[in-house]
Amino acid sequence: MKTLFVLALAALLSTTGFSQEKMESDIDYAYQNAKKGIYWVLSNIPEKKSKIESDLIADNRLYAHVKLTKEVNGVKIVSTGHYQTNKVTISIYRSNDSLKENGYLKQTDEK
């Protein structure tokens, strides 16, 4: 009887661990897609527009939804990564100085 109980408990714990690993993996994929959205929007900062919003779609799948808003002395970026039924949202703020330093904005001579 004890052996049957131990086997049943082991089977229950092993299936629970697998489902947690699957969920963790799905969240990691959504997080990676959100990061791809941030990298995309950083490399596509418009000079004249104060706001952009776009979806990153490939192979008929939505990978990320990104928003960029220009603020005073910087930008706000919100990227939502998608993977199956999971969504992860990352919001970052970058100053104009750090964007210029990292090469995302062109250096302008202000006199």
PDB file of N, CA and C in Angstrom:
ATOM      1  N   MET A   1       0.826  -1.189   0.000  1.00  0.00           N
ATOM      2  CA  MET A   1       0.000   0.000   0.000  1.00  0.00           C
ATOM      3  C   MET A   1       0.870   1.252   0.000  1.00  0.00           C
ATOM      4  N   LYS A   2       1.948   1.231   0.815  1.00  0.00           N
ATOM      5  CA  LYS A   2       2.845   2.391   0.848  1.00  0.00           C
ATOM      6  C   LYS A   2       3.513   2.594  -0.505  1.00  0.00           C
ATOM      7  N   THR A   3       3.854   1.510  -1.164  1.00  0.00           N
ATOM      8  CA  THR A   3       4.512   1.599  -2.463  1.00  0.00           C
ATOM      9  C   THR A   3       3.583   2.253  -3.484  1.00  0.00           C
ATOM     10  N   LEU A   4       2.322   1.868  -3.469  1.00  0.00           N
ATOM     11  CA  LEU A   4       1.356   2.456  -4.386  1.00  0.00           C
ATOM     12  C   LEU A   4       1.194   3.948  -4.126  1.00  0.00           C
ATOM     13  N   PHE A   5       1.156   4.328  -2.855  1.00  0.00           N
ATOM     14  CA  PHE A   5       1.029   5.741  -2.493  1.00  0.00           C
ATOM     15  C   PHE A   5       2.248   6.538  -2.946  1.00  0.00           C
ATOM     16  N   VAL A   6       3.435   5.977  -2.755  1.00  0.00           N
ATOM     17  CA  VAL A   6       4.662   6.658  -3.156  1.00  0.00           C
ATOM     18  C   VAL A   6       4.712   6.811  -4.677  1.00  0.00           C
ATOM     19  N   LEU A   7       4.316   5.780  -5.417  1.00  0.00           N
ATOM     20  CA  LEU A   7       4.300   5.866  -6.876  1.00  0.00           C
ATOM     21  C   LEU A   7       3.285   6.901  -7.371  1.00  0.00           C
ATOM     22  N   ALA A   8       2.128   6.938  -6.732  1.00  0.00           N
ATOM     23  CA  ALA A   8       1.110   7.916  -7.121  1.00  0.00           C
ATOM     24  C   ALA A   8       1.590   9.334  -6.826  1.00  0.00           C
ATOM     25  N   LEU A   9       2.235   9.527  -5.690  1.00  0.00           N
ATOM     26  CA  LEU A   9       2.765  10.846  -5.325  1.00  0.00           C
ATOM     27  C   LEU A   9       3.870  11.269  -6.287  1.00  0.00           C
ATOM     28  N   ALA A  10       4.739  10.360  -6.648  1.00  0.00           N
ATOM     29  CA  ALA A  10       5.817  10.670  -7.588  1.00  0.00           C
ATOM     30  C   ALA A  10       5.258  11.036  -8.965  1.00  0.00           C
ATOM     31  N   ALA A  11       4.233  10.320  -9.415  1.00  0.00           N
ATOM     32  CA  ALA A  11       3.625  10.628 -10.711  1.00  0.00           C
ATOM     33  C   ALA A  11       2.972  12.009 -10.690  1.00  0.00           C
ATOM     34  N   LEU A  12       2.313  12.343  -9.595  1.00  0.00           N
ATOM     35  CA  LEU A  12       1.663  13.650  -9.471  1.00  0.00           C
ATOM     36  C   LEU A  12       2.688  14.780  -9.481  1.00  0.00           C
ATOM     37  N   LEU A  13       3.767  14.618  -8.749  1.00  0.00           N
ATOM     38  CA  LEU A  13       4.802  15.647  -8.692  1.00  0.00           C
ATOM     39  C   LEU A  13       5.526  15.812 -10.027  1.00  0.00           C
ATOM     40  N   SER A  14       5.711  14.728 -10.754  1.00  0.00           N
ATOM     41  CA  SER A  14       6.418  14.834 -12.034  1.00  0.00           C
ATOM     42  C   SER A  14       5.569  15.562 -13.066  1.00  0.00           C
ATOM     43  N   THR A  15       4.259  15.382 -13.071  1.00  0.00           N
ATOM     44  CA  THR A  15       3.416  16.090 -14.038  1.00  0.00           C
ATOM     45  C   THR A  15       3.297  17.561 -13.676  1.00  0.00           C
ATOM     46  N   THR A  16       3.303  17.885 -12.393  1.00  0.00           N
ATOM     47  CA  THR A  16       3.243  19.276 -11.968  1.00  0.00           C
ATOM     48  C   THR A  16       4.519  20.002 -12.381  1.00  0.00           C
ATOM     49  N   GLY A  17       5.653  19.373 -12.215  1.00  0.00           N
ATOM     50  CA  GLY A  17       6.926  19.976 -12.606  1.00  0.00           C
ATOM     51  C   GLY A  17       6.996  20.221 -14.098  1.00  0.00           C
ATOM     52  N   PHE A  18       6.464  19.304 -14.894  1.00  0.00           N
ATOM     53  CA  PHE A  18       6.482  19.469 -16.344  1.00  0.00           C
ATOM     54  C   PHE A  18       5.627  20.654 -16.769  1.00  0.00           C
ATOM     55  N   SER A  19       4.454  20.812 -16.178  1.00  0.00           N
ATOM     56  CA  SER A  19       3.579  21.917 -16.576  1.00  0.00           C
ATOM     57  C   SER A  19       4.187  23.261 -16.182  1.00  0.00           C
ATOM     58  N   GLN A  20       4.886  23.299 -15.033  1.00  0.00           N
ATOM     59  CA  GLN A  20       5.553  24.544 -14.643  1.00  0.00           C
ATOM     60  C   GLN A  20       6.700  24.864 -15.583  1.00  0.00           C
ATOM     61  N   GLU A  21       7.445  23.869 -16.000  1.00  0.00           N
ATOM     62  CA  GLU A  21       8.534  24.091 -16.944  1.00  0.00           C
ATOM     63  C   GLU A  21       7.996  24.573 -18.282  1.00  0.00           C
ATOM     64  N   LYS A  22       6.876  24.032 -18.736  1.00  0.00           N
ATOM     65  CA  LYS A  22       6.267  24.453 -19.999  1.00  0.00           C
ATOM     66  C   LYS A  22       5.805  25.901 -19.902  1.00  0.00           C
ATOM     67  N   MET A  23       5.163  26.264 -18.791  1.00  0.00           N
ATOM     68  CA  MET A  23       4.706  27.634 -18.614  1.00  0.00           C
ATOM     69  C   MET A  23       5.892  28.586 -18.550  1.00  0.00           C
ATOM     70  N   GLU A  24       6.930  28.209 -17.839  1.00  0.00           N
ATOM     71  CA  GLU A  24       8.142  29.029 -17.738  1.00  0.00           C
ATOM     72  C   GLU A  24       8.774  29.221 -19.119  1.00  0.00           C
ATOM     73  N   SER A  25       8.806  28.171 -19.904  1.00  0.00           N
ATOM     74  CA  SER A  25       9.364  28.252 -21.258  1.00  0.00           C
ATOM     75  C   SER A  25       8.519  29.179 -22.140  1.00  0.00           C
ATOM     76  N   ASP A  26       7.205  29.072 -22.041  1.00  0.00           N
ATOM     77  CA  ASP A  26       6.320  29.940 -22.829  1.00  0.00           C
ATOM     78  C   ASP A  26       6.493  31.402 -22.447  1.00  0.00           C
ATOM     79  N   ILE A  27       6.646  31.684 -21.163  1.00  0.00           N
ATOM     80  CA  ILE A  27       6.863  33.059 -20.699  1.00  0.00           C
ATOM     81  C   ILE A  27       8.206  33.578 -21.208  1.00  0.00           C
ATOM     82  N   ASP A  28       9.220  32.721 -21.215  1.00  0.00           N
ATOM     83  CA  ASP A  28      10.530  33.129 -21.739  1.00  0.00           C
ATOM     84  C   ASP A  28      10.450  33.485 -23.225  1.00  0.00           C
ATOM     85  N   TYR A  29       9.692  32.715 -24.007  1.00  0.00           N
ATOM     86  CA  TYR A  29       9.521  33.034 -25.425  1.00  0.00           C
ATOM     87  C   TYR A  29       8.826  34.387 -25.592  1.00  0.00           C
ATOM     88  N   ALA A  30       7.791  34.647 -24.791  1.00  0.00           N
ATOM     89  CA  ALA A  30       7.084  35.929 -24.874  1.00  0.00           C
ATOM     90  C   ALA A  30       8.017  37.074 -24.476  1.00  0.00           C
ATOM     91  N   TYR A  31       8.853  36.850 -23.465  1.00  0.00           N
ATOM     92  CA  TYR A  31       9.831  37.858 -23.025  1.00  0.00           C
ATOM     93  C   TYR A  31      10.839  38.149 -24.134  1.00  0.00           C
ATOM     94  N   GLN A  32      11.316  37.114 -24.802  1.00  0.00           N
ATOM     95  CA  GLN A  32      12.268  37.304 -25.906  1.00  0.00           C
ATOM     96  C   GLN A  32      11.625  38.097 -27.042  1.00  0.00           C
ATOM     97  N   ASN A  33      10.347  37.839 -27.321  1.00  0.00           N
ATOM     98  CA  ASN A  33       9.652  38.582 -28.372  1.00  0.00           C
ATOM     99  C   ASN A  33       9.468  40.044 -27.978  1.00  0.00           C
ATOM    100  N   ALA A  34       9.215  40.318 -26.695  1.00  0.00           N
ATOM    101  CA  ALA A  34       9.099  41.705 -26.231  1.00  0.00           C
ATOM    102  C   ALA A  34      10.443  42.423 -26.391  1.00  0.00           C
ATOM    103  N   LYS A  35      11.545  41.741 -26.102  1.00  0.00           N
ATOM    104  CA  LYS A  35      12.864  42.347 -26.289  1.00  0.00           C
ATOM    105  C   LYS A  35      13.138  42.632 -27.762  1.00  0.00           C
ATOM    106  N   LYS A  36      12.716  41.739 -28.648  1.00  0.00           N
ATOM    107  CA  LYS A  36      12.880  41.981 -30.085  1.00  0.00           C
ATOM    108  C   LYS A  36      12.132  43.242 -30.490  1.00  0.00           C
ATOM    109  N   GLY A  37      10.951  43.445 -29.904  1.00  0.00           N
ATOM    110  CA  GLY A  37      10.186  44.650 -30.189  1.00  0.00           C
ATOM    111  C   GLY A  37      10.917  45.905 -29.749  1.00  0.00           C
ATOM    112  N   ILE A  38      11.557  45.848 -28.579  1.00  0.00           N
ATOM    113  CA  ILE A  38      12.320  47.002 -28.087  1.00  0.00           C
ATOM    114  C   ILE A  38      13.487  47.297 -29.014  1.00  0.00           C
ATOM    115  N   TYR A  39      14.219  46.269 -29.424  1.00  0.00           N
ATOM    116  CA  TYR A  39      15.352  46.481 -30.329  1.00  0.00           C
ATOM    117  C   TYR A  39      14.878  47.054 -31.660  1.00  0.00           C
ATOM    118  N   TRP A  40      13.735  46.561 -32.156  1.00  0.00           N
ATOM    119  CA  TRP A  40      13.216  47.069 -33.424  1.00  0.00           C
ATOM    120  C   TRP A  40      12.866  48.545 -33.318  1.00  0.00           C
ATOM    121  N   VAL A  41      12.151  48.931 -32.275  1.00  0.00           N
ATOM    122  CA  VAL A  41      11.716  50.325 -32.152  1.00  0.00           C
ATOM    123  C   VAL A  41      12.902  51.251 -31.884  1.00  0.00           C
ATOM    124  N   LEU A  42      13.925  50.777 -31.167  1.00  0.00           N
ATOM    125  CA  LEU A  42      15.115  51.602 -30.955  1.00  0.00           C
ATOM    126  C   LEU A  42      15.838  51.890 -32.273  1.00  0.00           C
ATOM    127  N   SER A  43      15.816  50.935 -33.180  1.00  0.00           N
ATOM    128  CA  SER A  43      16.494  51.155 -34.456  1.00  0.00           C
ATOM    129  C   SER A  43      15.605  51.885 -35.463  1.00  0.00           C
ATOM    130  N   ASN A  44      14.357  52.165 -35.110  1.00  0.00           N
ATOM    131  CA  ASN A  44      13.432  52.849 -36.017  1.00  0.00           C
ATOM    132  C   ASN A  44      12.797  54.070 -35.357  1.00  0.00           C
ATOM    133  N   ILE A  45      13.556  54.827 -34.592  1.00  0.00           N
ATOM    134  CA  ILE A  45      13.026  56.038 -33.962  1.00  0.00           C
ATOM    135  C   ILE A  45      12.850  57.103 -35.032  1.00  0.00           C
ATOM    136  N   PRO A  46      11.618  57.614 -35.188  1.00  0.00           N
ATOM    137  CA  PRO A  46      11.397  58.627 -36.225  1.00  0.00           C
ATOM    138  C   PRO A  46      11.933  59.989 -35.801  1.00  0.00           C
ATOM    139  N   GLU A  47      12.358  60.782 -36.786  1.00  0.00           N
ATOM    140  CA  GLU A  47      12.874  62.113 -36.473  1.00  0.00           C
ATOM    141  C   GLU A  47      11.746  63.104 -36.227  1.00  0.00           C
ATOM    142  N   LYS A  48      10.695  63.043 -37.025  1.00  0.00           N
ATOM    143  CA  LYS A  48       9.655  64.064 -36.964  1.00  0.00           C
ATOM    144  C   LYS A  48       8.448  63.662 -36.131  1.00  0.00           C
ATOM    145  N   LYS A  49       8.053  62.400 -36.168  1.00  0.00           N
ATOM    146  CA  LYS A  49       6.858  61.977 -35.445  1.00  0.00           C
ATOM    147  C   LYS A  49       7.139  61.915 -33.944  1.00  0.00           C
ATOM    148  N   SER A  50       6.115  62.197 -33.152  1.00  0.00           N
ATOM    149  CA  SER A  50       6.284  62.133 -31.704  1.00  0.00           C
ATOM    150  C   SER A  50       5.791  60.818 -31.136  1.00  0.00           C
ATOM    151  N   LYS A  51       5.165  59.982 -31.990  1.00  0.00           N
ATOM    152  CA  LYS A  51       4.606  58.738 -31.488  1.00  0.00           C
ATOM    153  C   LYS A  51       4.500  57.735 -32.633  1.00  0.00           C
ATOM    154  N   ILE A  52       4.891  56.481 -32.366  1.00  0.00           N
ATOM    155  CA  ILE A  52       4.645  55.416 -33.339  1.00  0.00           C
ATOM    156  C   ILE A  52       4.105  54.214 -32.593  1.00  0.00           C
ATOM    157  N   GLU A  53       3.346  53.410 -33.312  1.00  0.00           N
ATOM    158  CA  GLU A  53       2.783  52.180 -32.765  1.00  0.00           C
ATOM    159  C   GLU A  53       2.779  51.167 -33.900  1.00  0.00           C
ATOM    160  N   SER A  54       3.285  49.967 -33.634  1.00  0.00           N
ATOM    161  CA  SER A  54       3.409  48.991 -34.709  1.00  0.00           C
ATOM    162  C   SER A  54       3.332  47.573 -34.153  1.00  0.00           C
ATOM    163  N   ASP A  55       2.965  46.645 -35.033  1.00  0.00           N
ATOM    164  CA  ASP A  55       2.963  45.222 -34.702  1.00  0.00           C
ATOM    165  C   ASP A  55       4.077  44.545 -35.482  1.00  0.00           C
ATOM    166  N   LEU A  56       4.797  43.655 -34.828  1.00  0.00           N
ATOM    167  CA  LEU A  56       5.814  42.854 -35.502  1.00  0.00           C
ATOM    168  C   LEU A  56       5.192  41.497 -35.808  1.00  0.00           C
ATOM    169  N   ILE A  57       4.969  41.244 -37.092  1.00  0.00           N
ATOM    170  CA  ILE A  57       4.289  40.031 -37.528  1.00  0.00           C
ATOM    171  C   ILE A  57       5.185  39.311 -38.523  1.00  0.00           C
ATOM    172  N   ALA A  58       5.321  38.004 -38.350  1.00  0.00           N
ATOM    173  CA  ALA A  58       6.052  37.167 -39.299  1.00  0.00           C
ATOM    174  C   ALA A  58       5.390  35.793 -39.315  1.00  0.00           C
ATOM    175  N   ASP A  59       5.322  35.199 -40.479  1.00  0.00           N
ATOM    176  CA  ASP A  59       4.709  33.876 -40.634  1.00  0.00           C
ATOM    177  C   ASP A  59       3.293  33.835 -40.077  1.00  0.00           C
ATOM    178  N   ASN A  60       2.529  34.914 -40.291  1.00  0.00           N
ATOM    179  CA  ASN A  60       1.147  35.026 -39.822  1.00  0.00           C
ATOM    180  C   ASN A  60       1.017  34.892 -38.307  1.00  0.00           C
ATOM    181  N   ARG A  61       2.049  35.272 -37.582  1.00  0.00           N
ATOM    182  CA  ARG A  61       2.018  35.246 -36.116  1.00  0.00           C
ATOM    183  C   ARG A  61       2.434  36.600 -35.582  1.00  0.00           C
ATOM    184  N   LEU A  62       1.735  37.051 -34.559  1.00  0.00           N
ATOM    185  CA  LEU A  62       2.070  38.307 -33.894  1.00  0.00           C
ATOM    186  C   LEU A  62       3.167  38.031 -32.870  1.00  0.00           C
ATOM    187  N   TYR A  63       4.311  38.673 -33.050  1.00  0.00           N
ATOM    188  CA  TYR A  63       5.420  38.491 -32.124  1.00  0.00           C
ATOM    189  C   TYR A  63       5.456  39.580 -31.066  1.00  0.00           C
ATOM    190  N   ALA A  64       5.214  40.830 -31.466  1.00  0.00           N
ATOM    191  CA  ALA A  64       5.271  41.925 -30.501  1.00  0.00           C
ATOM    192  C   ALA A  64       4.411  43.090 -30.987  1.00  0.00           C
ATOM    193  N   HIS A  65       3.918  43.829 -30.025  1.00  0.00           N
ATOM    194  CA  HIS A  65       3.212  45.080 -30.284  1.00  0.00           C
ATOM    195  C   HIS A  65       4.028  46.158 -29.572  1.00  0.00           C
ATOM    196  N   VAL A  66       4.488  47.169 -30.316  1.00  0.00           N
ATOM    197  CA  VAL A  66       5.377  48.177 -29.737  1.00  0.00           C
ATOM    198  C   VAL A  66       4.783  49.573 -29.860  1.00  0.00           C
ATOM    199  N   LYS A  67       5.079  50.393 -28.860  1.00  0.00           N
ATOM    200  CA  LYS A  67       4.675  51.798 -28.853  1.00  0.00           C
ATOM    201  C   LYS A  67       5.884  52.625 -28.442  1.00  0.00           C
ATOM    202  N   LEU A  68       6.124  53.704 -29.159  1.00  0.00           N
ATOM    203  CA  LEU A  68       7.175  54.646 -28.806  1.00  0.00           C
ATOM    204  C   LEU A  68       6.532  56.020 -28.694  1.00  0.00           C
ATOM    205  N   THR A  69       6.797  56.688 -27.591  1.00  0.00           N
ATOM    206  CA  THR A  69       6.301  58.035 -27.375  1.00  0.00           C
ATOM    207  C   THR A  69       7.473  58.916 -27.009  1.00  0.00           C
ATOM    208  N   LYS A  70       7.629  60.017 -27.737  1.00  0.00           N
ATOM    209  CA  LYS A  70       8.689  60.959 -27.389  1.00  0.00           C
ATOM    210  C   LYS A  70       8.229  61.805 -26.208  1.00  0.00           C
ATOM    211  N   GLU A  71       9.072  61.878 -25.210  1.00  0.00           N
ATOM    212  CA  GLU A  71       8.802  62.663 -24.013  1.00  0.00           C
ATOM    213  C   GLU A  71       9.818  63.796 -23.966  1.00  0.00           C
ATOM    214  N   VAL A  72       9.753  64.612 -22.933  1.00  0.00           N
ATOM    215  CA  VAL A  72      10.719  65.689 -22.766  1.00  0.00           C
ATOM    216  C   VAL A  72      12.081  65.061 -22.484  1.00  0.00           C
ATOM    217  N   ASN A  73      13.058  65.350 -23.334  1.00  0.00           N
ATOM    218  CA  ASN A  73      14.436  64.856 -23.197  1.00  0.00           C
ATOM    219  C   ASN A  73      14.562  63.336 -23.219  1.00  0.00           C
ATOM    220  N   GLY A  74      13.691  62.657 -23.945  1.00  0.00           N
ATOM    221  CA  GLY A  74      13.824  61.215 -24.025  1.00  0.00           C
ATOM    222  C   GLY A  74      12.654  60.543 -24.718  1.00  0.00           C
ATOM    223  N   VAL A  75      12.614  59.215 -24.604  1.00  0.00           N
ATOM    224  CA  VAL A  75      11.533  58.435 -25.196  1.00  0.00           C
ATOM    225  C   VAL A  75      11.039  57.398 -24.184  1.00  0.00           C
ATOM    226  N   LYS A  76       9.797  57.022 -24.354  1.00  0.00           N
ATOM    227  CA  LYS A  76       9.199  55.929 -23.578  1.00  0.00           C
ATOM    228  C   LYS A  76       8.846  54.841 -24.573  1.00  0.00           C
ATOM    229  N   ILE A  77       9.267  53.614 -24.274  1.00  0.00           N
ATOM    230  CA  ILE A  77       9.000  52.483 -25.156  1.00  0.00           C
ATOM    231  C   ILE A  77       8.237  51.428 -24.362  1.00  0.00           C
ATOM    232  N   VAL A  78       7.131  50.969 -24.927  1.00  0.00           N
ATOM    233  CA  VAL A  78       6.358  49.874 -24.337  1.00  0.00           C
ATOM    234  C   VAL A  78       6.269  48.783 -25.386  1.00  0.00           C
ATOM    235  N   SER A  79       6.744  47.592 -25.037  1.00  0.00           N
ATOM    236  CA  SER A  79       6.722  46.464 -25.952  1.00  0.00           C
ATOM    237  C   SER A  79       6.023  45.295 -25.276  1.00  0.00           C
ATOM    238  N   THR A  80       5.042  44.735 -25.967  1.00  0.00           N
ATOM    239  CA  THR A  80       4.330  43.563 -25.458  1.00  0.00           C
ATOM    240  C   THR A  80       4.671  42.384 -26.351  1.00  0.00           C
ATOM    241  N   GLY A  81       5.346  41.398 -25.786  1.00  0.00           N
ATOM    242  CA  GLY A  81       5.711  40.197 -26.520  1.00  0.00           C
ATOM    243  C   GLY A  81       4.627  39.150 -26.384  1.00  0.00           C
ATOM    244  N   HIS A  82       4.362  38.438 -27.469  1.00  0.00           N
ATOM    245  CA  HIS A  82       3.313  37.423 -27.489  1.00  0.00           C
ATOM    246  C   HIS A  82       3.922  36.068 -27.813  1.00  0.00           C
ATOM    247  N   TYR A  83       3.415  35.037 -27.167  1.00  0.00           N
ATOM    248  CA  TYR A  83       3.746  33.661 -27.536  1.00  0.00           C
ATOM    249  C   TYR A  83       2.564  32.797 -27.121  1.00  0.00           C
ATOM    250  N   GLN A  84       1.900  32.223 -28.098  1.00  0.00           N
ATOM    251  CA  GLN A  84       0.684  31.449 -27.910  1.00  0.00           C
ATOM    252  C   GLN A  84      -0.321  32.286 -27.116  1.00  0.00           C
ATOM    253  N   THR A  85      -0.670  31.900 -25.899  1.00  0.00           N
ATOM    254  CA  THR A  85      -1.655  32.671 -25.133  1.00  0.00           C
ATOM    255  C   THR A  85      -0.992  33.540 -24.073  1.00  0.00           C
ATOM    256  N   ASN A  86       0.315  33.664 -24.101  1.00  0.00           N
ATOM    257  CA  ASN A  86       1.041  34.425 -23.084  1.00  0.00           C
ATOM    258  C   ASN A  86       1.446  35.787 -23.624  1.00  0.00           C
ATOM    259  N   LYS A  87       1.421  36.794 -22.734  1.00  0.00           N
ATOM    260  CA  LYS A  87       1.872  38.144 -23.079  1.00  0.00           C
ATOM    261  C   LYS A  87       2.785  38.646 -21.965  1.00  0.00           C
ATOM    262  N   VAL A  88       3.878  39.281 -22.375  1.00  0.00           N
ATOM    263  CA  VAL A  88       4.801  39.910 -21.433  1.00  0.00           C
ATOM    264  C   VAL A  88       5.013  41.342 -21.911  1.00  0.00           C
ATOM    265  N   THR A  89       4.853  42.308 -21.006  1.00  0.00           N
ATOM    266  CA  THR A  89       5.016  43.712 -21.359  1.00  0.00           C
ATOM    267  C   THR A  89       6.242  44.278 -20.667  1.00  0.00           C
ATOM    268  N   ILE A  90       7.064  44.975 -21.449  1.00  0.00           N
ATOM    269  CA  ILE A  90       8.254  45.654 -20.932  1.00  0.00           C
ATOM    270  C   ILE A  90       8.103  47.130 -21.249  1.00  0.00           C
ATOM    271  N   SER A  91       8.341  47.970 -20.271  1.00  0.00           N
ATOM    272  CA  SER A  91       8.274  49.415 -20.468  1.00  0.00           C
ATOM    273  C   SER A  91       9.620  50.006 -20.060  1.00  0.00           C
ATOM    274  N   ILE A  92      10.242  50.779 -20.972  1.00  0.00           N
ATOM    275  CA  ILE A  92      11.533  51.393 -20.651  1.00  0.00           C
ATOM    276  C   ILE A  92      11.514  52.867 -21.028  1.00  0.00           C
ATOM    277  N   TYR A  93      12.352  53.617 -20.378  1.00  0.00           N
ATOM    278  CA  TYR A  93      12.551  55.034 -20.659  1.00  0.00           C
ATOM    279  C   TYR A  93      14.022  55.238 -20.976  1.00  0.00           C
ATOM    280  N   ARG A  94      14.307  56.003 -22.016  1.00  0.00           N
ATOM    281  CA  ARG A  94      15.688  56.311 -22.387  1.00  0.00           C
ATOM    282  C   ARG A  94      15.794  57.809 -22.630  1.00  0.00           C
ATOM    283  N   SER A  95      16.868  58.402 -22.108  1.00  0.00           N
ATOM    284  CA  SER A  95      17.098  59.823 -22.328  1.00  0.00           C
ATOM    285  C   SER A  95      17.697  60.026 -23.711  1.00  0.00           C
ATOM    286  N   ASN A  96      17.555  61.238 -24.233  1.00  0.00           N
ATOM    287  CA  ASN A  96      18.148  61.543 -25.538  1.00  0.00           C
ATOM    288  C   ASN A  96      19.660  61.394 -25.495  1.00  0.00           C
ATOM    289  N   ASP A  97      20.269  61.749 -24.368  1.00  0.00           N
ATOM    290  CA  ASP A  97      21.728  61.622 -24.244  1.00  0.00           C
ATOM    291  C   ASP A  97      22.170  60.166 -24.370  1.00  0.00           C
ATOM    292  N   SER A  98      21.470  59.253 -23.693  1.00  0.00           N
ATOM    293  CA  SER A  98      21.868  57.846 -23.771  1.00  0.00           C
ATOM    294  C   SER A  98      21.577  57.271 -25.166  1.00  0.00           C
ATOM    295  N   LEU A  99      20.518  57.756 -25.813  1.00  0.00           N
ATOM    296  CA  LEU A  99      20.233  57.298 -27.183  1.00  0.00           C
ATOM    297  C   LEU A  99      21.308  57.758 -28.154  1.00  0.00           C
ATOM    298  N   LYS A 100      21.776  58.995 -27.987  1.00  0.00           N
ATOM    299  CA  LYS A 100      22.863  59.492 -28.838  1.00  0.00           C
ATOM    300  C   LYS A 100      24.155  58.741 -28.545  1.00  0.00           C
ATOM    301  N   GLU A 101      24.410  58.495 -27.278  1.00  0.00           N
ATOM    302  CA  GLU A 101      25.634  57.800 -26.865  1.00  0.00           C
ATOM    303  C   GLU A 101      25.694  56.387 -27.441  1.00  0.00           C
ATOM    304  N   ASN A 102      24.532  55.718 -27.516  1.00  0.00           N
ATOM    305  CA  ASN A 102      24.485  54.351 -28.031  1.00  0.00           C
ATOM    306  C   ASN A 102      24.249  54.282 -29.529  1.00  0.00           C
ATOM    307  N   GLY A 103      24.151  55.431 -30.196  1.00  0.00           N
ATOM    308  CA  GLY A 103      24.036  55.462 -31.647  1.00  0.00           C
ATOM    309  C   GLY A 103      22.629  55.319 -32.188  1.00  0.00           C
ATOM    310  N   TYR A 104      21.614  55.433 -31.346  1.00  0.00           N
ATOM    311  CA  TYR A 104      20.236  55.321 -31.822  1.00  0.00           C
ATOM    312  C   TYR A 104      19.705  56.642 -32.372  1.00  0.00           C
ATOM    313  N   LEU A 105      20.259  57.765 -31.925  1.00  0.00           N
ATOM    314  CA  LEU A 105      19.901  59.077 -32.449  1.00  0.00           C
ATOM    315  C   LEU A 105      21.131  59.708 -33.063  1.00  0.00           C
ATOM    316  N   LYS A 106      20.920  60.510 -34.107  1.00  0.00           N
ATOM    317  CA  LYS A 106      22.030  61.184 -34.755  1.00  0.00           C
ATOM    318  C   LYS A 106      22.486  62.360 -33.904  1.00  0.00           C
ATOM    319  N   GLN A 107      23.795  62.584 -33.886  1.00  0.00           N
ATOM    320  CA  GLN A 107      24.356  63.738 -33.185  1.00  0.00           C
ATOM    321  C   GLN A 107      24.038  64.982 -33.990  1.00  0.00           C
ATOM    322  N   THR A 108      23.521  66.008 -33.332  1.00  0.00           N
ATOM    323  CA  THR A 108      23.244  67.271 -34.020  1.00  0.00           C
ATOM    324  C   THR A 108      24.058  68.366 -33.352  1.00  0.00           C
ATOM    325  N   ASP A 109      24.555  69.271 -34.180  1.00  0.00           N
ATOM    326  CA  ASP A 109      25.317  70.400 -33.659  1.00  0.00           C
ATOM    327  C   ASP A 109      24.335  71.519 -33.325  1.00  0.00           C
ATOM    328  N   GLU A 110      24.170  71.773 -32.039  1.00  0.00           N
ATOM    329  CA  GLU A 110      23.267  72.839 -31.615  1.00  0.00           C
ATOM    330  C   GLU A 110      24.103  74.052 -31.218  1.00  0.00           C
ATOM    331  N   LYS A 111      23.823  75.200 -31.843  1.00  0.00           N
ATOM    332  CA  LYS A 111      24.577  76.413 -31.555  1.00  0.00           C
ATOM    333  C   LYS A 111      23.645  77.518 -31.194  1.00  0.00           C
TER     334      LYS A 111
END
